[in-house]
Amino acid sequence: MINGIQVKVCGITSLIDAEAADRVGADFLGFDLNPKSPRHVPLEVYHNIVTHLPYRKKIAVMTEPRKEELRHALAIGFSLAQIHFNHTTPLEQIEKWSRTVGARHLWLAPELPPEMDVPGEWLSLADGFLLDPFCADENTRDSGDWRKFARHRETHPDNLWILSGDLTPDNAGEAVNKSGARFVDVSSGVEISPGVKNTAKLEAFARALRQR
């Protein structure tokens, strides 16, 4: 935790990056299990990383997984499953994910249009939700829709609301101050290339949270 803010560093692909994230105070480490992702980490690499680290909650980052894949992720030691999916995914599918691992072991990361809120019927199906408040318009993308995130957090305090998206050392302080987020997720904003973290950027991100 950094200055009262929980931090997840996502897209970890190496022990060096995991250790760097650990040093700056990350509470959670995210490992992308999607083979099509540039941040994909094979399970043998994941096991080598976590056996050399002090305890940190480990998140299995998945894209619309099958039930068997979800079960296997928790069986091999992941603390939680974080599922990315399109907002048009049928409710029945989301309910299946929730039943498979239990709501307390599930974070949902839906791709929502800017005008769409998280549907109320999803709220009991997962403990946490990742929201990307950044605008699709490139001219305003750096500012983010902080009010949307804040509204979800204030209206539904029983869920964990995780600020994600294009967070960087340059905008992290503003993002937290304006959104009220108590939990942030960072990945590309602290990288030199997809899946390769930059220690200086990680340190700058942590510094931005401390100085906000």
N, C-alpha and C. Protein backbone atom coordinates (compact mmCIF):
# COMPACT_ATOMS: atom_id res chain seq x y z
N MET A 1 0.85 -1.19 0.00
CA MET A 1 0.00 0.00 0.00
C MET A 1 0.88 1.24 0.00
N ILE A 2 0.49 2.23 -0.77
CA ILE A 2 1.27 3.46 -0.89
C ILE A 2 0.38 4.63 -0.53
N ASN A 3 0.67 5.27 0.58
CA ASN A 3 -0.08 6.45 1.00
C ASN A 3 -1.58 6.17 1.06
N GLY A 4 -1.93 5.02 1.60
CA GLY A 4 -3.33 4.65 1.75
C GLY A 4 -3.99 4.10 0.51
N ILE A 5 -3.24 3.95 -0.57
CA ILE A 5 -3.79 3.46 -1.83
C ILE A 5 -3.25 2.05 -2.10
N GLN A 6 -4.16 1.11 -2.31
CA GLN A 6 -3.73 -0.22 -2.73
C GLN A 6 -3.31 -0.17 -4.21
N VAL A 7 -2.28 -0.93 -4.52
CA VAL A 7 -1.71 -0.89 -5.87
C VAL A 7 -1.58 -2.30 -6.44
N LYS A 8 -2.04 -2.45 -7.67
CA LYS A 8 -1.81 -3.69 -8.42
C LYS A 8 -0.97 -3.34 -9.64
N VAL A 9 0.14 -4.03 -9.79
CA VAL A 9 0.96 -3.89 -10.99
C VAL A 9 0.64 -5.09 -11.87
N CYS A 10 0.12 -4.81 -13.04
CA CYS A 10 -0.36 -5.87 -13.92
C CYS A 10 0.60 -6.09 -15.09
N GLY A 11 0.49 -7.27 -15.69
CA GLY A 11 1.33 -7.59 -16.83
C GLY A 11 2.74 -7.98 -16.44
N ILE A 12 2.90 -8.58 -15.26
CA ILE A 12 4.22 -9.04 -14.81
C ILE A 12 4.64 -10.24 -15.66
N THR A 13 5.86 -10.19 -16.20
CA THR A 13 6.35 -11.29 -17.03
C THR A 13 7.71 -11.82 -16.60
N SER A 14 8.32 -11.20 -15.59
CA SER A 14 9.66 -11.63 -15.18
C SER A 14 9.84 -11.42 -13.69
N LEU A 15 10.79 -12.16 -13.13
CA LEU A 15 11.10 -12.01 -11.71
C LEU A 15 11.65 -10.62 -11.42
N ILE A 16 12.46 -10.08 -12.32
CA ILE A 16 13.02 -8.74 -12.12
C ILE A 16 11.91 -7.71 -11.96
N ASP A 17 10.91 -7.79 -12.82
CA ASP A 17 9.81 -6.83 -12.74
C ASP A 17 8.96 -7.06 -11.50
N ALA A 18 8.75 -8.31 -11.14
CA ALA A 18 7.98 -8.61 -9.94
C ALA A 18 8.68 -8.07 -8.70
N GLU A 19 9.99 -8.23 -8.64
CA GLU A 19 10.74 -7.71 -7.50
C GLU A 19 10.70 -6.19 -7.45
N ALA A 20 10.76 -5.55 -8.62
CA ALA A 20 10.69 -4.09 -8.66
C ALA A 20 9.33 -3.61 -8.18
N ALA A 21 8.26 -4.28 -8.61
CA ALA A 21 6.92 -3.92 -8.15
C ALA A 21 6.78 -4.12 -6.65
N ASP A 22 7.36 -5.20 -6.16
CA ASP A 22 7.32 -5.48 -4.72
C ASP A 22 8.04 -4.40 -3.93
N ARG A 23 9.18 -3.94 -4.43
CA ARG A 23 9.96 -2.94 -3.71
C ARG A 23 9.23 -1.61 -3.58
N VAL A 24 8.46 -1.23 -4.59
CA VAL A 24 7.78 0.07 -4.52
C VAL A 24 6.50 0.01 -3.72
N GLY A 25 6.08 -1.21 -3.32
CA GLY A 25 4.92 -1.30 -2.44
C GLY A 25 3.66 -1.88 -3.05
N ALA A 26 3.77 -2.59 -4.17
CA ALA A 26 2.59 -3.19 -4.78
C ALA A 26 1.98 -4.23 -3.85
N ASP A 27 0.67 -4.21 -3.75
CA ASP A 27 -0.06 -5.18 -2.93
C ASP A 27 -0.44 -6.42 -3.74
N PHE A 28 -0.66 -6.23 -5.03
CA PHE A 28 -1.11 -7.29 -5.92
C PHE A 28 -0.25 -7.30 -7.17
N LEU A 29 -0.04 -8.50 -7.70
CA LEU A 29 0.67 -8.67 -8.96
C LEU A 29 -0.25 -9.39 -9.93
N GLY A 30 -0.38 -8.83 -11.14
CA GLY A 30 -1.25 -9.42 -12.14
C GLY A 30 -0.46 -10.16 -13.20
N PHE A 31 -0.91 -11.37 -13.52
CA PHE A 31 -0.24 -12.21 -14.52
C PHE A 31 -1.25 -12.53 -15.62
N ASP A 32 -0.93 -12.15 -16.83
CA ASP A 32 -1.84 -12.30 -17.96
C ASP A 32 -1.73 -13.71 -18.54
N LEU A 33 -2.82 -14.45 -18.47
CA LEU A 33 -2.83 -15.83 -18.95
C LEU A 33 -3.38 -15.97 -20.37
N ASN A 34 -3.67 -14.85 -21.01
CA ASN A 34 -4.19 -14.88 -22.37
C ASN A 34 -3.04 -15.07 -23.36
N PRO A 35 -2.97 -16.20 -24.05
CA PRO A 35 -1.85 -16.47 -24.96
C PRO A 35 -1.69 -15.44 -26.07
N LYS A 36 -2.75 -14.72 -26.40
CA LYS A 36 -2.68 -13.73 -27.47
C LYS A 36 -2.17 -12.37 -26.99
N SER A 37 -2.00 -12.22 -25.70
CA SER A 37 -1.56 -10.94 -25.15
C SER A 37 -0.04 -10.79 -25.24
N PRO A 38 0.46 -9.59 -25.53
CA PRO A 38 1.92 -9.37 -25.52
C PRO A 38 2.50 -9.50 -24.11
N ARG A 39 1.64 -9.52 -23.11
CA ARG A 39 2.08 -9.66 -21.72
C ARG A 39 1.81 -11.07 -21.18
N HIS A 40 1.52 -11.98 -22.08
CA HIS A 40 1.23 -13.35 -21.65
C HIS A 40 2.43 -13.95 -20.93
N VAL A 41 2.15 -14.64 -19.83
CA VAL A 41 3.21 -15.32 -19.09
C VAL A 41 2.88 -16.81 -19.00
N PRO A 42 3.76 -17.67 -19.50
CA PRO A 42 3.52 -19.12 -19.37
C PRO A 42 3.50 -19.52 -17.90
N LEU A 43 2.78 -20.58 -17.58
CA LEU A 43 2.62 -20.97 -16.18
C LEU A 43 3.94 -21.36 -15.54
N GLU A 44 4.86 -21.95 -16.31
CA GLU A 44 6.14 -22.32 -15.70
C GLU A 44 6.94 -21.07 -15.30
N VAL A 45 6.82 -20.01 -16.08
CA VAL A 45 7.48 -18.75 -15.73
C VAL A 45 6.81 -18.14 -14.50
N TYR A 46 5.50 -18.18 -14.47
CA TYR A 46 4.75 -17.68 -13.31
C TYR A 46 5.21 -18.39 -12.04
N HIS A 47 5.30 -19.71 -12.08
CA HIS A 47 5.70 -20.46 -10.89
C HIS A 47 7.10 -20.09 -10.44
N ASN A 48 8.01 -19.88 -11.37
CA ASN A 48 9.37 -19.49 -11.02
C ASN A 48 9.40 -18.12 -10.37
N ILE A 49 8.55 -17.22 -10.84
CA ILE A 49 8.50 -15.87 -10.27
C ILE A 49 8.00 -15.91 -8.83
N VAL A 50 6.86 -16.55 -8.61
CA VAL A 50 6.22 -16.47 -7.30
C VAL A 50 6.97 -17.24 -6.22
N THR A 51 7.75 -18.24 -6.60
CA THR A 51 8.51 -18.98 -5.59
C THR A 51 9.68 -18.18 -5.06
N HIS A 52 10.06 -17.10 -5.73
CA HIS A 52 11.18 -16.28 -5.30
C HIS A 52 10.74 -14.95 -4.69
N LEU A 53 9.45 -14.80 -4.45
CA LEU A 53 8.94 -13.53 -3.93
C LEU A 53 8.33 -13.69 -2.55
N PRO A 54 8.37 -12.62 -1.74
CA PRO A 54 7.55 -12.64 -0.52
C PRO A 54 6.08 -12.66 -0.92
N TYR A 55 5.23 -13.00 0.03
CA TYR A 55 3.81 -13.16 -0.30
C TYR A 55 3.21 -11.88 -0.84
N ARG A 56 2.57 -12.01 -1.97
CA ARG A 56 1.74 -10.96 -2.54
C ARG A 56 0.54 -11.65 -3.18
N LYS A 57 -0.61 -11.01 -3.12
CA LYS A 57 -1.76 -11.61 -3.79
C LYS A 57 -1.52 -11.63 -5.29
N LYS A 58 -1.82 -12.77 -5.87
CA LYS A 58 -1.52 -13.00 -7.29
C LYS A 58 -2.84 -13.09 -8.06
N ILE A 59 -2.96 -12.29 -9.09
CA ILE A 59 -4.19 -12.20 -9.86
C ILE A 59 -4.01 -12.86 -11.22
N ALA A 60 -4.91 -13.79 -11.54
CA ALA A 60 -4.94 -14.41 -12.86
C ALA A 60 -5.77 -13.53 -13.78
N VAL A 61 -5.12 -12.89 -14.73
CA VAL A 61 -5.81 -12.00 -15.67
C VAL A 61 -6.22 -12.82 -16.89
N MET A 62 -7.53 -12.89 -17.13
CA MET A 62 -8.05 -13.79 -18.15
C MET A 62 -9.06 -13.06 -19.03
N THR A 63 -9.23 -13.55 -20.24
CA THR A 63 -10.20 -12.97 -21.17
C THR A 63 -11.25 -14.02 -21.50
N GLU A 64 -12.47 -13.79 -21.01
CA GLU A 64 -13.60 -14.68 -21.26
C GLU A 64 -13.19 -16.15 -21.16
N PRO A 65 -12.71 -16.58 -20.00
CA PRO A 65 -12.18 -17.94 -19.86
C PRO A 65 -13.28 -19.00 -19.82
N ARG A 66 -12.87 -20.22 -20.10
CA ARG A 66 -13.75 -21.36 -19.90
C ARG A 66 -13.76 -21.71 -18.41
N LYS A 67 -14.79 -22.42 -18.01
CA LYS A 67 -14.93 -22.79 -16.60
C LYS A 67 -13.73 -23.57 -16.10
N GLU A 68 -13.22 -24.48 -16.91
CA GLU A 68 -12.08 -25.30 -16.50
C GLU A 68 -10.83 -24.45 -16.30
N GLU A 69 -10.65 -23.43 -17.13
CA GLU A 69 -9.50 -22.54 -16.99
C GLU A 69 -9.58 -21.75 -15.69
N LEU A 70 -10.78 -21.30 -15.35
CA LEU A 70 -10.96 -20.57 -14.10
C LEU A 70 -10.62 -21.44 -12.90
N ARG A 71 -11.16 -22.63 -12.88
CA ARG A 71 -10.91 -23.53 -11.76
C ARG A 71 -9.42 -23.83 -11.63
N HIS A 72 -8.77 -24.06 -12.76
CA HIS A 72 -7.35 -24.39 -12.73
C HIS A 72 -6.53 -23.23 -12.17
N ALA A 73 -6.89 -22.01 -12.53
CA ALA A 73 -6.13 -20.84 -12.06
C ALA A 73 -6.12 -20.77 -10.54
N LEU A 74 -7.26 -20.96 -9.92
CA LEU A 74 -7.30 -20.91 -8.46
C LEU A 74 -6.65 -22.14 -7.84
N ALA A 75 -6.73 -23.27 -8.53
CA ALA A 75 -6.15 -24.50 -8.01
C ALA A 75 -4.63 -24.44 -7.94
N ILE A 76 -4.00 -23.65 -8.82
CA ILE A 76 -2.53 -23.59 -8.84
C ILE A 76 -1.99 -22.40 -8.05
N GLY A 77 -2.85 -21.73 -7.31
CA GLY A 77 -2.34 -20.74 -6.37
C GLY A 77 -2.68 -19.30 -6.60
N PHE A 78 -3.42 -18.98 -7.65
CA PHE A 78 -3.84 -17.60 -7.83
C PHE A 78 -4.87 -17.24 -6.76
N SER A 79 -4.78 -16.03 -6.25
CA SER A 79 -5.71 -15.57 -5.22
C SER A 79 -7.07 -15.23 -5.79
N LEU A 80 -7.06 -14.65 -6.98
CA LEU A 80 -8.28 -14.15 -7.60
C LEU A 80 -8.18 -14.31 -9.11
N ALA A 81 -9.35 -14.28 -9.75
CA ALA A 81 -9.41 -14.22 -11.21
C ALA A 81 -9.97 -12.87 -11.62
N GLN A 82 -9.29 -12.22 -12.55
CA GLN A 82 -9.75 -10.95 -13.12
C GLN A 82 -10.14 -11.22 -14.57
N ILE A 83 -11.42 -11.04 -14.87
CA ILE A 83 -11.92 -11.42 -16.19
C ILE A 83 -12.25 -10.19 -17.02
N HIS A 84 -11.66 -10.13 -18.20
CA HIS A 84 -11.96 -9.07 -19.16
C HIS A 84 -12.99 -9.60 -20.15
N PHE A 85 -13.98 -8.77 -20.45
CA PHE A 85 -15.05 -9.21 -21.35
C PHE A 85 -15.78 -8.00 -21.90
N ASN A 86 -16.51 -8.23 -22.97
CA ASN A 86 -17.29 -7.17 -23.59
C ASN A 86 -18.59 -6.96 -22.83
N HIS A 87 -19.08 -5.74 -22.85
CA HIS A 87 -20.30 -5.44 -22.11
C HIS A 87 -21.53 -6.16 -22.66
N THR A 88 -21.42 -6.71 -23.87
CA THR A 88 -22.55 -7.45 -24.45
C THR A 88 -22.58 -8.91 -24.02
N THR A 89 -21.61 -9.34 -23.22
CA THR A 89 -21.60 -10.72 -22.74
C THR A 89 -22.89 -11.02 -21.99
N PRO A 90 -23.55 -12.14 -22.27
CA PRO A 90 -24.81 -12.46 -21.59
C PRO A 90 -24.63 -12.58 -20.08
N LEU A 91 -25.63 -12.15 -19.35
CA LEU A 91 -25.61 -12.24 -17.89
C LEU A 91 -25.38 -13.68 -17.44
N GLU A 92 -25.93 -14.63 -18.16
CA GLU A 92 -25.79 -16.04 -17.78
C GLU A 92 -24.32 -16.46 -17.76
N GLN A 93 -23.51 -15.93 -18.67
CA GLN A 93 -22.09 -16.27 -18.70
C GLN A 93 -21.38 -15.69 -17.48
N ILE A 94 -21.69 -14.46 -17.13
CA ILE A 94 -21.07 -13.83 -15.96
C ILE A 94 -21.46 -14.59 -14.69
N GLU A 95 -22.70 -15.03 -14.63
CA GLU A 95 -23.15 -15.82 -13.48
C GLU A 95 -22.39 -17.13 -13.39
N LYS A 96 -22.07 -17.75 -14.52
CA LYS A 96 -21.30 -19.00 -14.52
C LYS A 96 -19.90 -18.76 -13.97
N TRP A 97 -19.27 -17.67 -14.38
CA TRP A 97 -17.94 -17.36 -13.84
C TRP A 97 -18.01 -17.20 -12.33
N SER A 98 -19.03 -16.50 -11.87
CA SER A 98 -19.17 -16.24 -10.44
C SER A 98 -19.39 -17.53 -9.66
N ARG A 99 -20.22 -18.40 -10.18
CA ARG A 99 -20.48 -19.68 -9.51
C ARG A 99 -19.23 -20.55 -9.49
N THR A 100 -18.42 -20.46 -10.52
CA THR A 100 -17.25 -21.33 -10.64
C THR A 100 -16.22 -21.04 -9.56
N VAL A 101 -15.94 -19.78 -9.29
CA VAL A 101 -14.88 -19.44 -8.32
C VAL A 101 -15.42 -18.74 -7.08
N GLY A 102 -16.66 -18.30 -7.11
CA GLY A 102 -17.22 -17.54 -6.00
C GLY A 102 -16.96 -16.06 -6.17
N ALA A 103 -17.93 -15.25 -5.80
CA ALA A 103 -17.82 -13.81 -6.01
C ALA A 103 -16.60 -13.21 -5.32
N ARG A 104 -16.23 -13.74 -4.16
CA ARG A 104 -15.11 -13.13 -3.42
C ARG A 104 -13.76 -13.41 -4.08
N HIS A 105 -13.74 -14.32 -5.03
CA HIS A 105 -12.49 -14.61 -5.76
C HIS A 105 -12.53 -14.06 -7.18
N LEU A 106 -13.45 -13.12 -7.43
CA LEU A 106 -13.64 -12.67 -8.80
C LEU A 106 -13.64 -11.15 -8.90
N TRP A 107 -12.85 -10.64 -9.85
CA TRP A 107 -12.91 -9.24 -10.26
C TRP A 107 -13.34 -9.21 -11.72
N LEU A 108 -14.22 -8.29 -12.03
CA LEU A 108 -14.69 -8.14 -13.40
C LEU A 108 -14.12 -6.87 -14.01
N ALA A 109 -13.66 -6.98 -15.26
CA ALA A 109 -13.09 -5.85 -15.98
C ALA A 109 -13.82 -5.70 -17.31
N PRO A 110 -15.04 -5.19 -17.27
CA PRO A 110 -15.84 -5.09 -18.50
C PRO A 110 -15.38 -3.95 -19.40
N GLU A 111 -15.53 -4.15 -20.69
CA GLU A 111 -15.30 -3.07 -21.65
C GLU A 111 -16.62 -2.32 -21.82
N LEU A 112 -16.73 -1.18 -21.17
CA LEU A 112 -17.98 -0.43 -21.16
C LEU A 112 -17.90 0.79 -22.07
N PRO A 113 -18.94 1.08 -22.82
CA PRO A 113 -19.00 2.35 -23.53
C PRO A 113 -18.99 3.50 -22.53
N PRO A 114 -18.50 4.68 -22.91
CA PRO A 114 -18.39 5.80 -21.96
C PRO A 114 -19.70 6.13 -21.26
N GLU A 115 -20.83 5.95 -21.95
CA GLU A 115 -22.11 6.35 -21.37
C GLU A 115 -22.74 5.26 -20.50
N MET A 116 -22.11 4.09 -20.40
CA MET A 116 -22.72 2.96 -19.71
C MET A 116 -22.14 2.77 -18.32
N ASP A 117 -23.01 2.59 -17.32
CA ASP A 117 -22.59 2.24 -15.98
C ASP A 117 -22.57 0.71 -15.84
N VAL A 118 -21.93 0.24 -14.77
CA VAL A 118 -21.95 -1.19 -14.48
C VAL A 118 -23.38 -1.60 -14.14
N PRO A 119 -23.94 -2.57 -14.83
CA PRO A 119 -25.32 -2.99 -14.55
C PRO A 119 -25.48 -3.49 -13.11
N GLY A 120 -26.58 -3.14 -12.51
CA GLY A 120 -26.82 -3.51 -11.12
C GLY A 120 -26.81 -5.00 -10.89
N GLU A 121 -27.25 -5.78 -11.89
CA GLU A 121 -27.31 -7.23 -11.70
C GLU A 121 -25.93 -7.88 -11.67
N TRP A 122 -24.89 -7.14 -12.03
CA TRP A 122 -23.54 -7.69 -11.95
C TRP A 122 -22.94 -7.56 -10.55
N LEU A 123 -23.43 -6.64 -9.76
CA LEU A 123 -22.73 -6.23 -8.55
C LEU A 123 -22.55 -7.36 -7.54
N SER A 124 -23.52 -8.24 -7.42
CA SER A 124 -23.41 -9.33 -6.45
C SER A 124 -22.59 -10.50 -6.97
N LEU A 125 -22.19 -10.44 -8.22
CA LEU A 125 -21.50 -11.57 -8.84
C LEU A 125 -19.99 -11.51 -8.69
N ALA A 126 -19.46 -10.37 -8.26
CA ALA A 126 -18.01 -10.21 -8.13
C ALA A 126 -17.70 -9.27 -6.98
N ASP A 127 -16.56 -9.51 -6.35
CA ASP A 127 -16.12 -8.63 -5.26
C ASP A 127 -15.63 -7.30 -5.79
N GLY A 128 -14.91 -7.33 -6.91
CA GLY A 128 -14.29 -6.11 -7.41
C GLY A 128 -14.58 -5.85 -8.87
N PHE A 129 -14.47 -4.57 -9.24
CA PHE A 129 -14.67 -4.16 -10.63
C PHE A 129 -13.55 -3.20 -11.03
N LEU A 130 -12.95 -3.46 -12.17
CA LEU A 130 -11.96 -2.54 -12.73
C LEU A 130 -12.66 -1.63 -13.72
N LEU A 131 -12.51 -0.33 -13.53
CA LEU A 131 -13.10 0.64 -14.43
C LEU A 131 -12.02 1.51 -15.03
N ASP A 132 -12.09 1.65 -16.35
CA ASP A 132 -11.19 2.54 -17.08
C ASP A 132 -11.97 3.82 -17.39
N PRO A 133 -11.69 4.91 -16.67
CA PRO A 133 -12.48 6.13 -16.86
C PRO A 133 -11.98 7.01 -17.99
N PHE A 134 -10.93 6.59 -18.67
CA PHE A 134 -10.35 7.45 -19.69
C PHE A 134 -11.24 7.51 -20.92
N CYS A 135 -11.32 8.70 -21.48
CA CYS A 135 -12.22 8.95 -22.60
C CYS A 135 -11.68 8.33 -23.88
N ALA A 136 -12.60 7.94 -24.75
CA ALA A 136 -12.20 7.38 -26.04
C ALA A 136 -11.64 8.46 -26.96
N ASP A 137 -12.05 9.69 -26.75
CA ASP A 137 -11.58 10.81 -27.56
C ASP A 137 -10.12 11.11 -27.20
N GLU A 138 -9.23 10.96 -28.15
CA GLU A 138 -7.80 11.16 -27.88
C GLU A 138 -7.50 12.58 -27.40
N ASN A 139 -8.34 13.54 -27.75
CA ASN A 139 -8.10 14.92 -27.34
C ASN A 139 -8.34 15.13 -25.85
N THR A 140 -9.12 14.24 -25.24
CA THR A 140 -9.44 14.41 -23.82
C THR A 140 -9.03 13.20 -22.99
N ARG A 141 -8.31 12.28 -23.60
CA ARG A 141 -8.03 11.01 -22.93
C ARG A 141 -7.24 11.19 -21.64
N ASP A 142 -6.37 12.16 -21.57
CA ASP A 142 -5.55 12.31 -20.38
C ASP A 142 -6.35 12.76 -19.16
N SER A 143 -7.51 13.35 -19.37
CA SER A 143 -8.27 13.88 -18.23
C SER A 143 -9.10 12.82 -17.53
N GLY A 144 -9.69 11.89 -18.29
CA GLY A 144 -10.46 10.83 -17.67
C GLY A 144 -11.82 11.29 -17.17
N ASP A 145 -12.74 10.35 -17.07
CA ASP A 145 -14.07 10.64 -16.54
C ASP A 145 -14.07 10.24 -15.07
N TRP A 146 -13.48 11.10 -14.26
CA TRP A 146 -13.33 10.77 -12.84
C TRP A 146 -14.68 10.67 -12.14
N ARG A 147 -15.66 11.46 -12.58
CA ARG A 147 -16.96 11.46 -11.92
C ARG A 147 -17.66 10.12 -12.05
N LYS A 148 -17.50 9.48 -13.18
CA LYS A 148 -18.12 8.17 -13.38
C LYS A 148 -17.57 7.16 -12.38
N PHE A 149 -16.25 7.14 -12.23
CA PHE A 149 -15.64 6.22 -11.27
C PHE A 149 -16.09 6.56 -9.86
N ALA A 150 -16.05 7.84 -9.50
CA ALA A 150 -16.44 8.25 -8.16
C ALA A 150 -17.89 7.89 -7.87
N ARG A 151 -18.75 8.03 -8.86
CA ARG A 151 -20.17 7.71 -8.68
C ARG A 151 -20.36 6.23 -8.36
N HIS A 152 -19.67 5.37 -9.07
CA HIS A 152 -19.77 3.94 -8.79
C HIS A 152 -19.28 3.62 -7.38
N ARG A 153 -18.16 4.20 -7.03
CA ARG A 153 -17.57 3.92 -5.71
C ARG A 153 -18.48 4.40 -4.58
N GLU A 154 -19.08 5.56 -4.75
CA GLU A 154 -19.94 6.12 -3.71
C GLU A 154 -21.30 5.43 -3.65
N THR A 155 -21.82 5.04 -4.80
CA THR A 155 -23.15 4.44 -4.85
C THR A 155 -23.14 2.97 -4.43
N HIS A 156 -22.04 2.30 -4.67
CA HIS A 156 -21.96 0.86 -4.37
C HIS A 156 -20.72 0.57 -3.51
N PRO A 157 -20.72 1.02 -2.26
CA PRO A 157 -19.52 0.90 -1.42
C PRO A 157 -19.19 -0.53 -1.00
N ASP A 158 -20.11 -1.47 -1.18
CA ASP A 158 -19.83 -2.85 -0.79
C ASP A 158 -18.90 -3.55 -1.78
N ASN A 159 -18.76 -2.98 -2.96
CA ASN A 159 -17.84 -3.55 -3.95
C ASN A 159 -16.51 -2.81 -3.92
N LEU A 160 -15.48 -3.51 -4.37
CA LEU A 160 -14.15 -2.92 -4.51
C LEU A 160 -14.05 -2.31 -5.91
N TRP A 161 -13.73 -1.02 -5.97
CA TRP A 161 -13.64 -0.32 -7.26
C TRP A 161 -12.19 0.03 -7.54
N ILE A 162 -11.70 -0.47 -8.65
CA ILE A 162 -10.28 -0.38 -8.98
C ILE A 162 -10.12 0.51 -10.21
N LEU A 163 -9.36 1.58 -10.04
CA LEU A 163 -9.12 2.52 -11.13
C LEU A 163 -8.04 1.96 -12.04
N SER A 164 -8.37 1.79 -13.31
CA SER A 164 -7.41 1.19 -14.24
C SER A 164 -7.38 2.00 -15.53
N GLY A 165 -6.68 1.49 -16.51
CA GLY A 165 -6.61 2.19 -17.79
C GLY A 165 -5.25 2.80 -18.01
N ASP A 166 -5.22 4.01 -18.51
CA ASP A 166 -3.97 4.66 -18.90
C ASP A 166 -3.32 5.43 -17.76
N LEU A 167 -3.17 4.80 -16.62
CA LEU A 167 -2.51 5.46 -15.49
C LEU A 167 -1.00 5.50 -15.72
N THR A 168 -0.40 6.63 -15.38
CA THR A 168 1.03 6.84 -15.55
C THR A 168 1.56 7.61 -14.34
N PRO A 169 2.88 7.73 -14.21
CA PRO A 169 3.41 8.58 -13.14
C PRO A 169 2.94 10.02 -13.26
N ASP A 170 2.64 10.48 -14.48
CA ASP A 170 2.24 11.87 -14.68
C ASP A 170 0.80 12.16 -14.27
N ASN A 171 -0.08 11.16 -14.36
CA ASN A 171 -1.48 11.45 -14.05
C ASN A 171 -2.02 10.71 -12.83
N ALA A 172 -1.19 9.88 -12.18
CA ALA A 172 -1.69 9.06 -11.08
C ALA A 172 -2.21 9.90 -9.92
N GLY A 173 -1.48 10.95 -9.55
CA GLY A 173 -1.91 11.79 -8.44
C GLY A 173 -3.24 12.45 -8.72
N GLU A 174 -3.38 13.04 -9.89
CA GLU A 174 -4.64 13.68 -10.27
C GLU A 174 -5.77 12.67 -10.33
N ALA A 175 -5.48 11.49 -10.89
CA ALA A 175 -6.50 10.46 -11.02
C ALA A 175 -7.07 10.06 -9.67
N VAL A 176 -6.21 9.85 -8.71
CA VAL A 176 -6.67 9.45 -7.38
C VAL A 176 -7.41 10.59 -6.69
N ASN A 177 -6.87 11.78 -6.78
CA ASN A 177 -7.50 12.93 -6.11
C ASN A 177 -8.89 13.22 -6.66
N LYS A 178 -9.05 13.13 -7.97
CA LYS A 178 -10.33 13.50 -8.58
C LYS A 178 -11.35 12.37 -8.58
N SER A 179 -10.89 11.13 -8.55
CA SER A 179 -11.82 10.00 -8.59
C SER A 179 -12.16 9.47 -7.21
N GLY A 180 -11.30 9.76 -6.22
CA GLY A 180 -11.49 9.19 -4.90
C GLY A 180 -11.07 7.74 -4.80
N ALA A 181 -10.37 7.25 -5.80
CA ALA A 181 -9.97 5.84 -5.82
C ALA A 181 -9.08 5.51 -4.63
N ARG A 182 -9.30 4.32 -4.07
CA ARG A 182 -8.43 3.80 -3.01
C ARG A 182 -7.67 2.57 -3.50
N PHE A 183 -7.80 2.28 -4.79
CA PHE A 183 -7.15 1.11 -5.37
C PHE A 183 -6.88 1.44 -6.83
N VAL A 184 -5.63 1.27 -7.27
CA VAL A 184 -5.28 1.56 -8.66
C VAL A 184 -4.58 0.36 -9.28
N ASP A 185 -4.73 0.26 -10.59
CA ASP A 185 -4.11 -0.81 -11.38
C ASP A 185 -3.28 -0.15 -12.47
N VAL A 186 -2.00 -0.50 -12.53
CA VAL A 186 -1.12 0.11 -13.53
C VAL A 186 -0.41 -0.99 -14.31
N SER A 187 -0.20 -0.74 -15.59
CA SER A 187 0.51 -1.70 -16.43
C SER A 187 1.36 -0.97 -17.46
N SER A 188 0.74 -0.56 -18.57
CA SER A 188 1.51 0.05 -19.66
C SER A 188 2.17 1.36 -19.25
N GLY A 189 1.61 2.05 -18.27
CA GLY A 189 2.15 3.34 -17.85
C GLY A 189 3.48 3.26 -17.14
N VAL A 190 3.92 2.04 -16.80
CA VAL A 190 5.23 1.87 -16.14
C VAL A 190 6.10 0.90 -16.94
N GLU A 191 5.88 0.86 -18.26
CA GLU A 191 6.63 -0.05 -19.12
C GLU A 191 7.52 0.69 -20.12
N ILE A 192 8.54 -0.02 -20.58
CA ILE A 192 9.33 0.48 -21.71
C ILE A 192 8.90 -0.21 -23.00
N SER A 193 8.24 -1.36 -22.87
CA SER A 193 7.62 -2.07 -23.99
C SER A 193 6.62 -3.03 -23.37
N PRO A 194 5.66 -3.54 -24.15
CA PRO A 194 4.64 -4.41 -23.56
C PRO A 194 5.24 -5.59 -22.80
N GLY A 195 4.93 -5.66 -21.51
CA GLY A 195 5.41 -6.76 -20.69
C GLY A 195 6.76 -6.53 -20.06
N VAL A 196 7.39 -5.39 -20.33
CA VAL A 196 8.70 -5.09 -19.74
C VAL A 196 8.58 -3.82 -18.91
N LYS A 197 8.63 -3.98 -17.59
CA LYS A 197 8.46 -2.85 -16.70
C LYS A 197 9.76 -2.04 -16.60
N ASN A 198 9.61 -0.78 -16.23
CA ASN A 198 10.73 0.14 -16.07
C ASN A 198 10.79 0.53 -14.60
N THR A 199 11.89 0.20 -13.94
CA THR A 199 12.00 0.45 -12.51
C THR A 199 11.85 1.92 -12.18
N ALA A 200 12.44 2.79 -12.99
CA ALA A 200 12.33 4.23 -12.73
C ALA A 200 10.88 4.69 -12.82
N LYS A 201 10.13 4.16 -13.77
CA LYS A 201 8.72 4.53 -13.90
C LYS A 201 7.89 3.99 -12.74
N LEU A 202 8.20 2.78 -12.30
CA LEU A 202 7.51 2.25 -11.12
C LEU A 202 7.76 3.12 -9.90
N GLU A 203 9.00 3.52 -9.72
CA GLU A 203 9.34 4.38 -8.59
C GLU A 203 8.65 5.74 -8.71
N ALA A 204 8.59 6.27 -9.93
CA ALA A 204 7.92 7.56 -10.15
C ALA A 204 6.42 7.45 -9.90
N PHE A 205 5.83 6.32 -10.26
CA PHE A 205 4.41 6.10 -10.01
C PHE A 205 4.13 6.08 -8.51
N ALA A 206 4.96 5.35 -7.77
CA ALA A 206 4.80 5.31 -6.32
C ALA A 206 5.00 6.68 -5.71
N ARG A 207 5.96 7.41 -6.22
CA ARG A 207 6.23 8.76 -5.71
C ARG A 207 5.03 9.69 -5.96
N ALA A 208 4.41 9.54 -7.12
CA ALA A 208 3.23 10.37 -7.44
C ALA A 208 2.09 10.10 -6.46
N LEU A 209 1.93 8.85 -6.05
CA LEU A 209 0.89 8.53 -5.08
C LEU A 209 1.23 9.07 -3.69
N ARG A 210 2.50 9.04 -3.35
CA ARG A 210 2.90 9.56 -2.03
C ARG A 210 2.77 11.08 -1.95
N GLN A 211 2.98 11.76 -3.07
CA GLN A 211 3.02 13.22 -3.08
C GLN A 211 1.70 13.87 -3.45
N ARG A 212 0.68 13.10 -3.72
CA ARG A 212 -0.59 13.66 -4.22
C ARG A 212 -1.23 14.58 -3.17
